[in-house]
N, C-alpha and C. Protein backbone atom coordinates (compact mmCIF):
# COMPACT_ATOMS: atom_id res chain seq x y z
N MET A 1 0.86 -1.20 0.00
CA MET A 1 0.00 0.00 0.00
C MET A 1 0.89 1.24 0.00
N PHE A 2 0.59 2.22 -0.85
CA PHE A 2 1.35 3.45 -0.90
C PHE A 2 0.97 4.34 0.29
N ASN A 3 1.92 5.09 0.81
CA ASN A 3 1.55 6.11 1.79
C ASN A 3 1.61 7.48 1.13
N ALA A 4 1.12 8.47 1.83
CA ALA A 4 0.98 9.80 1.22
C ALA A 4 2.32 10.37 0.78
N GLU A 5 3.38 10.15 1.59
CA GLU A 5 4.68 10.71 1.25
C GLU A 5 5.23 10.10 -0.04
N LEU A 6 5.07 8.79 -0.20
CA LEU A 6 5.54 8.13 -1.41
C LEU A 6 4.76 8.60 -2.63
N ILE A 7 3.46 8.77 -2.47
CA ILE A 7 2.64 9.26 -3.58
C ILE A 7 3.10 10.65 -4.00
N GLU A 8 3.36 11.51 -3.01
CA GLU A 8 3.80 12.86 -3.32
C GLU A 8 5.09 12.83 -4.13
N LYS A 9 6.03 11.95 -3.74
CA LYS A 9 7.31 11.88 -4.45
C LYS A 9 7.13 11.30 -5.84
N ALA A 10 6.31 10.25 -5.94
CA ALA A 10 6.14 9.59 -7.24
C ALA A 10 5.38 10.48 -8.21
N ALA A 11 4.36 11.16 -7.72
CA ALA A 11 3.51 11.95 -8.60
C ALA A 11 4.13 13.30 -8.94
N GLN A 12 4.96 13.83 -8.06
CA GLN A 12 5.61 15.11 -8.30
C GLN A 12 4.58 16.20 -8.63
N PHE A 13 3.67 16.44 -7.68
CA PHE A 13 2.70 17.50 -7.87
C PHE A 13 3.43 18.82 -8.09
N ARG A 14 3.04 19.56 -9.09
CA ARG A 14 3.67 20.85 -9.37
C ARG A 14 2.77 21.97 -8.84
N GLY A 15 3.36 22.94 -8.24
CA GLY A 15 2.60 24.04 -7.67
C GLY A 15 2.22 25.08 -8.70
N VAL A 16 1.18 25.85 -8.38
CA VAL A 16 0.74 26.89 -9.31
C VAL A 16 1.76 28.01 -9.44
N ASP A 17 2.65 28.14 -8.44
CA ASP A 17 3.64 29.21 -8.54
C ASP A 17 4.65 28.94 -9.65
N GLU A 18 4.70 27.71 -10.16
CA GLU A 18 5.60 27.40 -11.26
C GLU A 18 4.98 27.73 -12.62
N ASP A 19 3.68 28.00 -12.63
CA ASP A 19 2.96 28.15 -13.89
C ASP A 19 3.50 29.24 -14.82
N PRO A 20 3.89 30.39 -14.32
CA PRO A 20 4.33 31.44 -15.24
C PRO A 20 5.51 31.05 -16.12
N THR A 21 6.33 30.10 -15.67
CA THR A 21 7.49 29.71 -16.46
C THR A 21 7.23 28.45 -17.28
N ARG A 22 6.07 27.88 -17.14
CA ARG A 22 5.78 26.63 -17.82
C ARG A 22 5.47 26.87 -19.29
N ASN A 23 6.00 26.02 -20.15
CA ASN A 23 5.67 26.05 -21.56
C ASN A 23 4.19 25.70 -21.73
N LEU A 24 3.52 26.33 -22.66
CA LEU A 24 2.10 26.06 -22.86
C LEU A 24 1.83 24.59 -23.16
N SER A 25 2.76 23.93 -23.85
CA SER A 25 2.54 22.53 -24.18
C SER A 25 2.55 21.66 -22.93
N ALA A 26 3.06 22.18 -21.82
CA ALA A 26 3.07 21.44 -20.56
C ALA A 26 1.90 21.85 -19.67
N CYS A 27 0.83 22.33 -20.28
CA CYS A 27 -0.37 22.73 -19.53
C CYS A 27 -1.60 21.95 -20.01
N PRO A 28 -1.59 20.62 -19.88
CA PRO A 28 -2.77 19.86 -20.30
C PRO A 28 -3.91 20.03 -19.30
N ALA A 29 -5.12 19.76 -19.75
CA ALA A 29 -6.29 19.81 -18.87
C ALA A 29 -6.71 18.39 -18.51
N LEU A 30 -6.91 18.16 -17.23
CA LEU A 30 -7.48 16.89 -16.77
C LEU A 30 -8.96 16.90 -17.13
N VAL A 31 -9.41 15.86 -17.83
CA VAL A 31 -10.80 15.81 -18.31
C VAL A 31 -11.62 14.90 -17.41
N LEU A 32 -12.66 15.48 -16.81
CA LEU A 32 -13.59 14.73 -15.97
C LEU A 32 -14.87 14.46 -16.74
N ASN A 33 -15.50 13.35 -16.41
CA ASN A 33 -16.82 13.07 -16.96
C ASN A 33 -17.83 14.01 -16.30
N ALA A 34 -19.08 13.96 -16.71
CA ALA A 34 -20.09 14.85 -16.14
C ALA A 34 -20.35 14.57 -14.66
N ASP A 35 -19.95 13.37 -14.19
CA ASP A 35 -20.10 13.05 -12.78
C ASP A 35 -18.84 13.41 -11.98
N TYR A 36 -17.92 14.12 -12.61
CA TYR A 36 -16.69 14.61 -11.98
C TYR A 36 -15.73 13.49 -11.58
N THR A 37 -15.74 12.42 -12.32
CA THR A 37 -14.71 11.38 -12.20
C THR A 37 -13.89 11.43 -13.48
N PRO A 38 -12.59 11.13 -13.42
CA PRO A 38 -11.77 11.16 -14.64
C PRO A 38 -12.33 10.20 -15.71
N LEU A 39 -12.24 10.64 -16.96
CA LEU A 39 -12.69 9.76 -18.05
C LEU A 39 -11.91 8.46 -18.03
N SER A 40 -10.63 8.53 -17.72
CA SER A 40 -9.82 7.33 -17.54
C SER A 40 -8.67 7.68 -16.61
N TYR A 41 -8.18 6.65 -15.93
CA TYR A 41 -7.06 6.85 -15.02
C TYR A 41 -5.74 6.48 -15.67
N TYR A 42 -5.76 5.44 -16.46
CA TYR A 42 -4.50 4.97 -17.04
C TYR A 42 -4.76 4.46 -18.43
N PRO A 43 -4.45 5.21 -19.48
CA PRO A 43 -3.77 6.50 -19.37
C PRO A 43 -4.71 7.58 -18.83
N LEU A 44 -4.15 8.54 -18.15
CA LEU A 44 -4.93 9.61 -17.57
C LEU A 44 -5.57 10.43 -18.69
N SER A 45 -6.84 10.81 -18.49
CA SER A 45 -7.57 11.55 -19.52
C SER A 45 -7.13 13.01 -19.52
N LEU A 46 -6.30 13.35 -20.48
CA LEU A 46 -5.76 14.71 -20.60
C LEU A 46 -6.00 15.25 -22.01
N TRP A 47 -6.31 16.54 -22.10
CA TRP A 47 -6.43 17.21 -23.39
C TRP A 47 -5.38 18.32 -23.47
N PRO A 48 -4.84 18.58 -24.67
CA PRO A 48 -3.96 19.75 -24.83
C PRO A 48 -4.73 21.03 -24.51
N TRP A 49 -4.02 22.06 -24.12
CA TRP A 49 -4.69 23.30 -23.71
C TRP A 49 -5.55 23.88 -24.82
N GLN A 50 -5.12 23.72 -26.10
CA GLN A 50 -5.92 24.26 -27.21
C GLN A 50 -7.28 23.57 -27.31
N THR A 51 -7.27 22.23 -27.15
CA THR A 51 -8.52 21.46 -27.22
C THR A 51 -9.44 21.83 -26.07
N ALA A 52 -8.85 22.02 -24.89
CA ALA A 52 -9.67 22.38 -23.73
C ALA A 52 -10.34 23.74 -23.93
N ILE A 53 -9.59 24.72 -24.42
CA ILE A 53 -10.16 26.06 -24.64
C ILE A 53 -11.24 26.02 -25.72
N LYS A 54 -10.99 25.26 -26.77
CA LYS A 54 -12.00 25.15 -27.83
C LYS A 54 -13.28 24.55 -27.27
N ALA A 55 -13.15 23.51 -26.42
CA ALA A 55 -14.33 22.88 -25.83
C ALA A 55 -15.09 23.83 -24.92
N VAL A 56 -14.36 24.73 -24.24
CA VAL A 56 -15.01 25.74 -23.40
C VAL A 56 -15.88 26.66 -24.26
N PHE A 57 -15.33 27.13 -25.39
CA PHE A 57 -16.08 28.05 -26.24
C PHE A 57 -17.23 27.37 -26.97
N LEU A 58 -17.16 26.07 -27.13
CA LEU A 58 -18.26 25.32 -27.74
C LEU A 58 -19.28 24.88 -26.70
N ASP A 59 -19.11 25.32 -25.45
CA ASP A 59 -20.01 24.97 -24.34
C ASP A 59 -20.14 23.47 -24.12
N ARG A 60 -19.05 22.74 -24.35
CA ARG A 60 -19.07 21.29 -24.12
C ARG A 60 -18.52 20.92 -22.76
N VAL A 61 -17.81 21.85 -22.12
CA VAL A 61 -17.21 21.57 -20.81
C VAL A 61 -17.38 22.77 -19.89
N ASP A 62 -17.25 22.50 -18.60
CA ASP A 62 -17.18 23.55 -17.58
C ASP A 62 -15.76 23.57 -17.04
N ILE A 63 -15.25 24.76 -16.75
CA ILE A 63 -13.92 24.88 -16.15
C ILE A 63 -14.04 24.67 -14.65
N VAL A 64 -13.25 23.74 -14.13
CA VAL A 64 -13.25 23.44 -12.70
C VAL A 64 -12.09 24.13 -12.00
N ALA A 65 -10.93 24.17 -12.66
CA ALA A 65 -9.74 24.83 -12.11
C ALA A 65 -8.87 25.30 -13.27
N SER A 66 -7.98 26.24 -12.98
CA SER A 66 -7.14 26.81 -14.04
C SER A 66 -5.69 26.94 -13.58
N TYR A 67 -4.80 26.97 -14.57
CA TYR A 67 -3.40 27.31 -14.32
C TYR A 67 -3.30 28.83 -14.12
N ASP A 68 -2.15 29.30 -13.67
CA ASP A 68 -1.91 30.73 -13.60
C ASP A 68 -1.52 31.30 -14.96
N ARG A 69 -1.16 30.43 -15.89
CA ARG A 69 -0.81 30.88 -17.24
C ARG A 69 -2.05 31.40 -17.97
N GLU A 70 -1.87 32.41 -18.79
CA GLU A 70 -2.98 32.96 -19.57
C GLU A 70 -2.62 32.93 -21.05
N VAL A 71 -3.66 32.87 -21.86
CA VAL A 71 -3.49 33.07 -23.30
C VAL A 71 -4.21 34.37 -23.64
N HIS A 72 -3.71 35.03 -24.67
CA HIS A 72 -4.24 36.35 -25.01
C HIS A 72 -4.62 36.39 -26.48
N SER A 73 -5.69 37.11 -26.75
CA SER A 73 -6.08 37.42 -28.12
C SER A 73 -6.46 38.90 -28.13
N PRO A 74 -6.72 39.47 -29.28
CA PRO A 74 -7.09 40.90 -29.31
C PRO A 74 -8.30 41.24 -28.44
N SER A 75 -9.20 40.27 -28.27
CA SER A 75 -10.43 40.58 -27.53
C SER A 75 -10.58 39.81 -26.23
N LEU A 76 -9.55 39.00 -25.86
CA LEU A 76 -9.76 38.12 -24.71
C LEU A 76 -8.45 37.78 -24.01
N ASP A 77 -8.50 37.79 -22.67
CA ASP A 77 -7.45 37.21 -21.84
C ASP A 77 -8.09 36.08 -21.06
N MET A 78 -7.49 34.90 -21.11
CA MET A 78 -8.13 33.74 -20.48
C MET A 78 -7.09 32.86 -19.82
N LYS A 79 -7.36 32.46 -18.56
CA LYS A 79 -6.49 31.49 -17.90
C LYS A 79 -6.69 30.13 -18.56
N ILE A 80 -5.59 29.37 -18.63
CA ILE A 80 -5.66 28.04 -19.26
C ILE A 80 -6.30 27.05 -18.28
N PRO A 81 -7.34 26.34 -18.69
CA PRO A 81 -7.99 25.38 -17.80
C PRO A 81 -7.03 24.25 -17.42
N SER A 82 -7.02 23.89 -16.15
CA SER A 82 -6.23 22.74 -15.72
C SER A 82 -7.12 21.54 -15.42
N VAL A 83 -8.39 21.80 -15.09
CA VAL A 83 -9.38 20.73 -14.88
C VAL A 83 -10.67 21.16 -15.54
N ILE A 84 -11.23 20.29 -16.38
CA ILE A 84 -12.51 20.58 -17.03
C ILE A 84 -13.43 19.38 -16.85
N ALA A 85 -14.73 19.64 -16.88
CA ALA A 85 -15.73 18.58 -16.75
C ALA A 85 -16.68 18.62 -17.94
N LEU A 86 -16.90 17.47 -18.54
CA LEU A 86 -17.83 17.39 -19.66
C LEU A 86 -19.24 17.73 -19.18
N ARG A 87 -20.00 18.38 -20.04
CA ARG A 87 -21.39 18.69 -19.68
C ARG A 87 -22.32 17.52 -19.94
N GLN A 88 -21.93 16.67 -20.90
CA GLN A 88 -22.72 15.47 -21.17
C GLN A 88 -21.96 14.24 -20.72
N TYR A 89 -22.64 13.35 -20.01
CA TYR A 89 -22.00 12.15 -19.47
C TYR A 89 -21.64 11.19 -20.60
N VAL A 90 -20.42 10.67 -20.54
CA VAL A 90 -19.96 9.68 -21.51
C VAL A 90 -19.97 8.32 -20.82
N LYS A 91 -20.80 7.41 -21.31
CA LYS A 91 -20.89 6.08 -20.70
C LYS A 91 -19.63 5.29 -21.03
N GLN A 92 -19.03 4.72 -19.99
CA GLN A 92 -17.83 3.93 -20.17
C GLN A 92 -18.19 2.53 -20.66
N SER A 93 -17.34 1.95 -21.51
CA SER A 93 -17.57 0.57 -21.94
C SER A 93 -17.30 -0.36 -20.76
N GLU A 94 -18.02 -1.48 -20.72
CA GLU A 94 -17.90 -2.38 -19.57
C GLU A 94 -16.53 -3.04 -19.49
N PHE A 95 -15.97 -3.35 -20.66
CA PHE A 95 -14.69 -4.06 -20.67
C PHE A 95 -13.64 -3.25 -21.43
N PRO A 96 -12.40 -3.24 -20.95
CA PRO A 96 -11.33 -2.51 -21.64
C PRO A 96 -10.82 -3.28 -22.85
N ALA A 97 -10.08 -2.59 -23.71
CA ALA A 97 -9.49 -3.24 -24.88
C ALA A 97 -8.43 -4.25 -24.42
N PHE A 98 -8.30 -5.32 -25.16
CA PHE A 98 -7.30 -6.35 -24.87
C PHE A 98 -6.00 -5.92 -25.52
N THR A 99 -5.17 -5.20 -24.76
CA THR A 99 -3.90 -4.67 -25.27
C THR A 99 -2.77 -5.12 -24.37
N ARG A 100 -1.55 -5.01 -24.89
CA ARG A 100 -0.37 -5.37 -24.11
C ARG A 100 -0.31 -4.55 -22.82
N PHE A 101 -0.52 -3.24 -22.95
CA PHE A 101 -0.44 -2.39 -21.77
C PHE A 101 -1.48 -2.77 -20.73
N ASN A 102 -2.72 -3.03 -21.18
CA ASN A 102 -3.78 -3.36 -20.23
C ASN A 102 -3.54 -4.69 -19.53
N VAL A 103 -2.89 -5.63 -20.20
CA VAL A 103 -2.52 -6.89 -19.53
C VAL A 103 -1.50 -6.59 -18.43
N PHE A 104 -0.49 -5.77 -18.75
CA PHE A 104 0.49 -5.37 -17.73
C PHE A 104 -0.21 -4.70 -16.55
N LEU A 105 -1.14 -3.80 -16.85
CA LEU A 105 -1.82 -3.06 -15.79
C LEU A 105 -2.65 -4.00 -14.93
N ARG A 106 -3.39 -4.92 -15.56
CA ARG A 106 -4.18 -5.89 -14.80
C ARG A 106 -3.29 -6.66 -13.82
N ASP A 107 -2.08 -7.00 -14.28
CA ASP A 107 -1.16 -7.81 -13.47
C ASP A 107 -0.20 -6.97 -12.63
N ARG A 108 -0.49 -5.67 -12.53
CA ARG A 108 0.28 -4.74 -11.70
C ARG A 108 1.75 -4.68 -12.09
N PHE A 109 2.02 -4.85 -13.37
CA PHE A 109 3.39 -4.76 -13.88
C PHE A 109 4.33 -5.69 -13.11
N GLN A 110 3.83 -6.92 -12.84
CA GLN A 110 4.62 -7.91 -12.12
C GLN A 110 4.51 -9.26 -12.81
N CYS A 111 5.62 -9.99 -12.82
CA CYS A 111 5.60 -11.37 -13.31
C CYS A 111 4.64 -12.17 -12.44
N GLN A 112 3.76 -12.91 -13.06
CA GLN A 112 2.76 -13.66 -12.32
C GLN A 112 3.29 -15.00 -11.79
N TYR A 113 4.57 -15.25 -12.03
CA TYR A 113 5.22 -16.43 -11.45
C TYR A 113 6.10 -16.06 -10.26
N CYS A 114 6.97 -15.06 -10.45
CA CYS A 114 7.94 -14.74 -9.38
C CYS A 114 7.73 -13.37 -8.75
N GLY A 115 6.90 -12.53 -9.35
CA GLY A 115 6.65 -11.20 -8.80
C GLY A 115 7.60 -10.12 -9.26
N SER A 116 8.56 -10.45 -10.10
CA SER A 116 9.54 -9.47 -10.57
C SER A 116 8.87 -8.42 -11.47
N GLY A 117 9.40 -7.20 -11.43
CA GLY A 117 8.94 -6.15 -12.32
C GLY A 117 9.93 -5.86 -13.43
N GLU A 118 10.94 -6.73 -13.58
CA GLU A 118 12.02 -6.51 -14.56
C GLU A 118 11.81 -7.38 -15.80
N HIS A 119 12.19 -6.84 -16.96
CA HIS A 119 12.21 -7.59 -18.23
C HIS A 119 10.87 -8.30 -18.49
N LEU A 120 9.79 -7.53 -18.42
CA LEU A 120 8.46 -8.12 -18.54
C LEU A 120 8.10 -8.43 -19.99
N THR A 121 7.42 -9.55 -20.15
CA THR A 121 6.91 -9.98 -21.44
C THR A 121 5.58 -10.70 -21.18
N PHE A 122 5.17 -11.57 -22.09
CA PHE A 122 3.89 -12.25 -21.93
C PHE A 122 4.06 -13.75 -22.05
N ASP A 123 3.14 -14.46 -21.42
CA ASP A 123 3.18 -15.92 -21.49
C ASP A 123 1.77 -16.45 -21.70
N HIS A 124 1.65 -17.45 -22.58
CA HIS A 124 0.39 -18.19 -22.71
C HIS A 124 0.38 -19.23 -21.59
N VAL A 125 -0.58 -19.16 -20.68
CA VAL A 125 -0.66 -20.13 -19.58
C VAL A 125 -0.76 -21.54 -20.16
N THR A 126 -1.74 -21.76 -21.03
CA THR A 126 -1.79 -22.99 -21.82
C THR A 126 -1.10 -22.68 -23.14
N PRO A 127 0.03 -23.32 -23.41
CA PRO A 127 0.80 -22.99 -24.62
C PRO A 127 -0.02 -23.14 -25.89
N ARG A 128 0.34 -22.34 -26.89
CA ARG A 128 -0.37 -22.41 -28.17
C ARG A 128 -0.29 -23.79 -28.78
N ARG A 129 0.84 -24.47 -28.59
CA ARG A 129 0.99 -25.80 -29.19
C ARG A 129 0.03 -26.81 -28.56
N LEU A 130 -0.51 -26.46 -27.38
CA LEU A 130 -1.51 -27.31 -26.73
C LEU A 130 -2.92 -26.76 -26.89
N GLY A 131 -3.07 -25.82 -27.81
CA GLY A 131 -4.39 -25.25 -28.08
C GLY A 131 -4.71 -23.99 -27.33
N GLY A 132 -3.73 -23.44 -26.61
CA GLY A 132 -3.97 -22.22 -25.85
C GLY A 132 -4.20 -21.03 -26.77
N ARG A 133 -5.16 -20.19 -26.40
CA ARG A 133 -5.51 -19.05 -27.23
C ARG A 133 -4.95 -17.76 -26.63
N THR A 134 -4.90 -16.73 -27.47
CA THR A 134 -4.42 -15.42 -27.02
C THR A 134 -5.64 -14.63 -26.56
N THR A 135 -6.01 -14.84 -25.30
CA THR A 135 -7.18 -14.19 -24.71
C THR A 135 -6.81 -13.69 -23.32
N TRP A 136 -7.67 -12.83 -22.76
CA TRP A 136 -7.48 -12.33 -21.40
C TRP A 136 -7.26 -13.49 -20.43
N GLU A 137 -8.03 -14.57 -20.62
CA GLU A 137 -8.01 -15.67 -19.65
C GLU A 137 -6.82 -16.60 -19.81
N ASN A 138 -5.98 -16.39 -20.85
CA ASN A 138 -4.86 -17.30 -21.07
C ASN A 138 -3.52 -16.58 -21.20
N ILE A 139 -3.52 -15.25 -21.10
CA ILE A 139 -2.28 -14.47 -21.21
C ILE A 139 -1.97 -13.85 -19.85
N ILE A 140 -0.72 -13.96 -19.43
CA ILE A 140 -0.29 -13.33 -18.19
C ILE A 140 1.02 -12.59 -18.41
N THR A 141 1.30 -11.65 -17.52
CA THR A 141 2.58 -10.97 -17.52
C THR A 141 3.63 -11.90 -16.92
N ALA A 142 4.77 -12.04 -17.59
CA ALA A 142 5.85 -12.88 -17.08
C ALA A 142 7.19 -12.20 -17.37
N CYS A 143 8.14 -12.40 -16.48
CA CYS A 143 9.48 -11.90 -16.76
C CYS A 143 10.14 -12.86 -17.74
N ALA A 144 11.14 -12.36 -18.46
CA ALA A 144 11.80 -13.18 -19.48
C ALA A 144 12.40 -14.47 -18.90
N PRO A 145 13.07 -14.43 -17.73
CA PRO A 145 13.62 -15.68 -17.18
C PRO A 145 12.55 -16.74 -16.88
N CYS A 146 11.41 -16.31 -16.29
CA CYS A 146 10.34 -17.27 -16.00
C CYS A 146 9.72 -17.79 -17.29
N ASN A 147 9.58 -16.91 -18.27
CA ASN A 147 9.00 -17.32 -19.55
C ASN A 147 9.87 -18.38 -20.21
N MET A 148 11.20 -18.18 -20.15
CA MET A 148 12.12 -19.16 -20.74
C MET A 148 12.08 -20.47 -19.96
N ARG A 149 12.03 -20.35 -18.64
CA ARG A 149 12.02 -21.56 -17.80
C ARG A 149 10.77 -22.40 -18.06
N LYS A 150 9.64 -21.73 -18.21
CA LYS A 150 8.39 -22.46 -18.44
C LYS A 150 8.36 -23.08 -19.83
N GLY A 151 8.88 -22.34 -20.81
CA GLY A 151 8.92 -22.87 -22.17
C GLY A 151 7.53 -23.19 -22.70
N GLY A 152 7.41 -24.29 -23.42
CA GLY A 152 6.14 -24.68 -24.03
C GLY A 152 5.31 -25.60 -23.17
N ARG A 153 5.47 -25.48 -21.84
CA ARG A 153 4.72 -26.34 -20.92
C ARG A 153 3.63 -25.55 -20.20
N THR A 154 2.74 -26.25 -19.56
CA THR A 154 1.78 -25.60 -18.67
C THR A 154 2.49 -25.28 -17.37
N PRO A 155 1.96 -24.37 -16.56
CA PRO A 155 2.60 -24.08 -15.26
C PRO A 155 2.76 -25.34 -14.41
N ARG A 156 1.77 -26.20 -14.44
CA ARG A 156 1.85 -27.44 -13.65
C ARG A 156 2.99 -28.33 -14.13
N GLN A 157 3.10 -28.49 -15.45
CA GLN A 157 4.17 -29.30 -16.00
C GLN A 157 5.55 -28.73 -15.65
N ALA A 158 5.63 -27.38 -15.57
CA ALA A 158 6.90 -26.72 -15.27
C ALA A 158 7.15 -26.57 -13.78
N GLY A 159 6.17 -26.96 -12.97
CA GLY A 159 6.31 -26.81 -11.53
C GLY A 159 6.35 -25.36 -11.09
N MET A 160 5.58 -24.51 -11.79
CA MET A 160 5.55 -23.07 -11.50
C MET A 160 4.12 -22.66 -11.14
N ALA A 161 3.96 -22.05 -9.98
CA ALA A 161 2.63 -21.65 -9.53
C ALA A 161 2.33 -20.21 -9.97
N LEU A 162 1.09 -20.00 -10.44
CA LEU A 162 0.63 -18.65 -10.77
C LEU A 162 0.24 -17.91 -9.51
N GLN A 163 0.58 -16.63 -9.44
CA GLN A 163 0.17 -15.82 -8.29
C GLN A 163 -1.33 -15.61 -8.28
N GLN A 164 -1.92 -15.47 -9.48
CA GLN A 164 -3.38 -15.37 -9.60
C GLN A 164 -3.78 -15.80 -11.00
N SER A 165 -4.97 -16.35 -11.11
CA SER A 165 -5.45 -16.81 -12.41
C SER A 165 -5.83 -15.60 -13.26
N PRO A 166 -5.49 -15.64 -14.54
CA PRO A 166 -5.83 -14.50 -15.41
C PRO A 166 -7.33 -14.41 -15.65
N ILE A 167 -7.84 -13.19 -15.63
CA ILE A 167 -9.27 -12.96 -15.87
C ILE A 167 -9.41 -11.84 -16.90
N ARG A 168 -10.62 -11.74 -17.45
CA ARG A 168 -10.95 -10.58 -18.27
C ARG A 168 -11.47 -9.50 -17.32
N PRO A 169 -10.71 -8.43 -17.11
CA PRO A 169 -11.14 -7.42 -16.14
C PRO A 169 -12.22 -6.52 -16.72
N THR A 170 -13.00 -5.94 -15.84
CA THR A 170 -13.92 -4.90 -16.27
C THR A 170 -13.15 -3.58 -16.33
N SER A 171 -13.72 -2.60 -16.98
CA SER A 171 -13.07 -1.28 -17.04
C SER A 171 -12.91 -0.72 -15.63
N TRP A 172 -13.88 -0.97 -14.76
CA TRP A 172 -13.80 -0.48 -13.39
C TRP A 172 -12.62 -1.13 -12.67
N GLN A 173 -12.44 -2.45 -12.83
CA GLN A 173 -11.32 -3.13 -12.18
C GLN A 173 -9.98 -2.58 -12.67
N LEU A 174 -9.89 -2.31 -13.97
CA LEU A 174 -8.63 -1.80 -14.51
C LEU A 174 -8.36 -0.38 -14.02
N GLN A 175 -9.42 0.42 -13.88
CA GLN A 175 -9.24 1.76 -13.34
C GLN A 175 -8.77 1.71 -11.90
N GLN A 176 -9.30 0.74 -11.12
CA GLN A 176 -8.83 0.58 -9.75
C GLN A 176 -7.33 0.28 -9.73
N GLN A 177 -6.88 -0.56 -10.65
CA GLN A 177 -5.45 -0.85 -10.75
C GLN A 177 -4.67 0.41 -11.13
N GLY A 178 -5.22 1.18 -12.06
CA GLY A 178 -4.54 2.38 -12.52
C GLY A 178 -4.29 3.38 -11.41
N ARG A 179 -5.15 3.40 -10.41
CA ARG A 179 -4.97 4.34 -9.30
C ARG A 179 -3.73 4.02 -8.47
N LEU A 180 -3.24 2.81 -8.58
CA LEU A 180 -2.04 2.43 -7.84
C LEU A 180 -0.77 2.93 -8.52
N PHE A 181 -0.90 3.40 -9.77
CA PHE A 181 0.27 3.80 -10.54
C PHE A 181 0.10 5.22 -11.06
N PRO A 182 0.29 6.23 -10.17
CA PRO A 182 0.12 7.61 -10.62
C PRO A 182 1.12 7.94 -11.71
N PRO A 183 0.71 8.75 -12.68
CA PRO A 183 1.65 9.15 -13.73
C PRO A 183 2.77 10.01 -13.15
N GLY A 184 3.79 10.23 -13.93
CA GLY A 184 4.96 10.95 -13.44
C GLY A 184 4.73 12.42 -13.20
N TYR A 185 3.68 12.99 -13.75
CA TYR A 185 3.42 14.42 -13.55
C TYR A 185 1.95 14.62 -13.20
N LEU A 186 1.69 15.29 -12.10
CA LEU A 186 0.33 15.67 -11.71
C LEU A 186 0.37 17.12 -11.26
N HIS A 187 -0.56 17.90 -11.75
CA HIS A 187 -0.64 19.28 -11.28
C HIS A 187 -1.44 19.31 -9.98
N GLU A 188 -1.11 20.24 -9.08
CA GLU A 188 -1.76 20.24 -7.77
C GLU A 188 -3.27 20.46 -7.86
N THR A 189 -3.76 21.12 -8.92
CA THR A 189 -5.21 21.32 -9.04
C THR A 189 -5.93 20.02 -9.40
N TRP A 190 -5.18 18.98 -9.73
CA TRP A 190 -5.81 17.71 -10.09
C TRP A 190 -6.08 16.82 -8.88
N ARG A 191 -5.42 17.10 -7.76
CA ARG A 191 -5.38 16.12 -6.68
C ARG A 191 -6.76 15.80 -6.10
N ASP A 192 -7.69 16.74 -6.11
CA ASP A 192 -9.03 16.46 -5.57
C ASP A 192 -9.83 15.50 -6.45
N TRP A 193 -9.38 15.33 -7.68
CA TRP A 193 -10.17 14.53 -8.63
C TRP A 193 -9.54 13.17 -8.93
N LEU A 194 -8.36 12.94 -8.40
CA LEU A 194 -7.67 11.67 -8.63
C LEU A 194 -7.56 10.93 -7.31
N TYR A 195 -8.38 9.91 -7.18
CA TYR A 195 -8.48 9.24 -5.89
C TYR A 195 -7.52 8.06 -5.82
N TRP A 196 -6.19 8.39 -5.75
CA TRP A 196 -5.19 7.33 -5.62
C TRP A 196 -5.37 6.64 -4.28
N ASP A 197 -4.97 5.38 -4.20
CA ASP A 197 -5.08 4.62 -2.96
C ASP A 197 -3.99 5.06 -1.99
N VAL A 198 -4.30 6.06 -1.20
CA VAL A 198 -3.34 6.61 -0.25
C VAL A 198 -3.83 6.32 1.15
N GLU A 199 -2.94 5.81 2.02
CA GLU A 199 -3.31 5.58 3.39
C GLU A 199 -3.50 6.93 4.08
N LEU A 200 -4.60 7.06 4.80
CA LEU A 200 -4.83 8.29 5.54
C LEU A 200 -3.98 8.28 6.79
N GLU A 201 -3.37 9.41 7.08
CA GLU A 201 -2.50 9.51 8.23
C GLU A 201 -3.22 10.25 9.35
N ALA A 202 -3.06 9.76 10.59
CA ALA A 202 -3.74 10.36 11.73
C ALA A 202 -3.15 11.73 12.05
């Protein structure tokens, strides 16, 4: 479990006092759904500042928070939005796409045999030569040494125990996993909207 101090270090929240020197390209807007939850956690739902401002003028979003940076035009001075919320709710799909990254995320970026986070690749639990398919339920994250050791055998044949059986996760389950892995950059105005699993301190 992460504690608050570790989250602060990993996430590197940037203060608003740094905004005046920030390049505009480093001012993305965190996009919230109409219920004020992020559209996605991993990857984090971010829009470039130009897209966010355009959405504001098209009345598609509400501004929740802003950077100290401003953009100027002949008729307008406007702070760059740092958090925006969609006015219309976007229904999330029940299941996430079956991608390499999402398999890693489901398995917490750990080998499902030894727990290592180094040299990660993929393994068919039931090998293809034995009829194993490339599906959520048969693919796991494995480190290269464990993958080589297992070879074309089943875990039982190789004498290797799985830490957990592979499943097809729901989008909600994958988002819960994503909260454990904050991205490398978070602006301080985002912290109220990103509910990372942080232990509360007395």
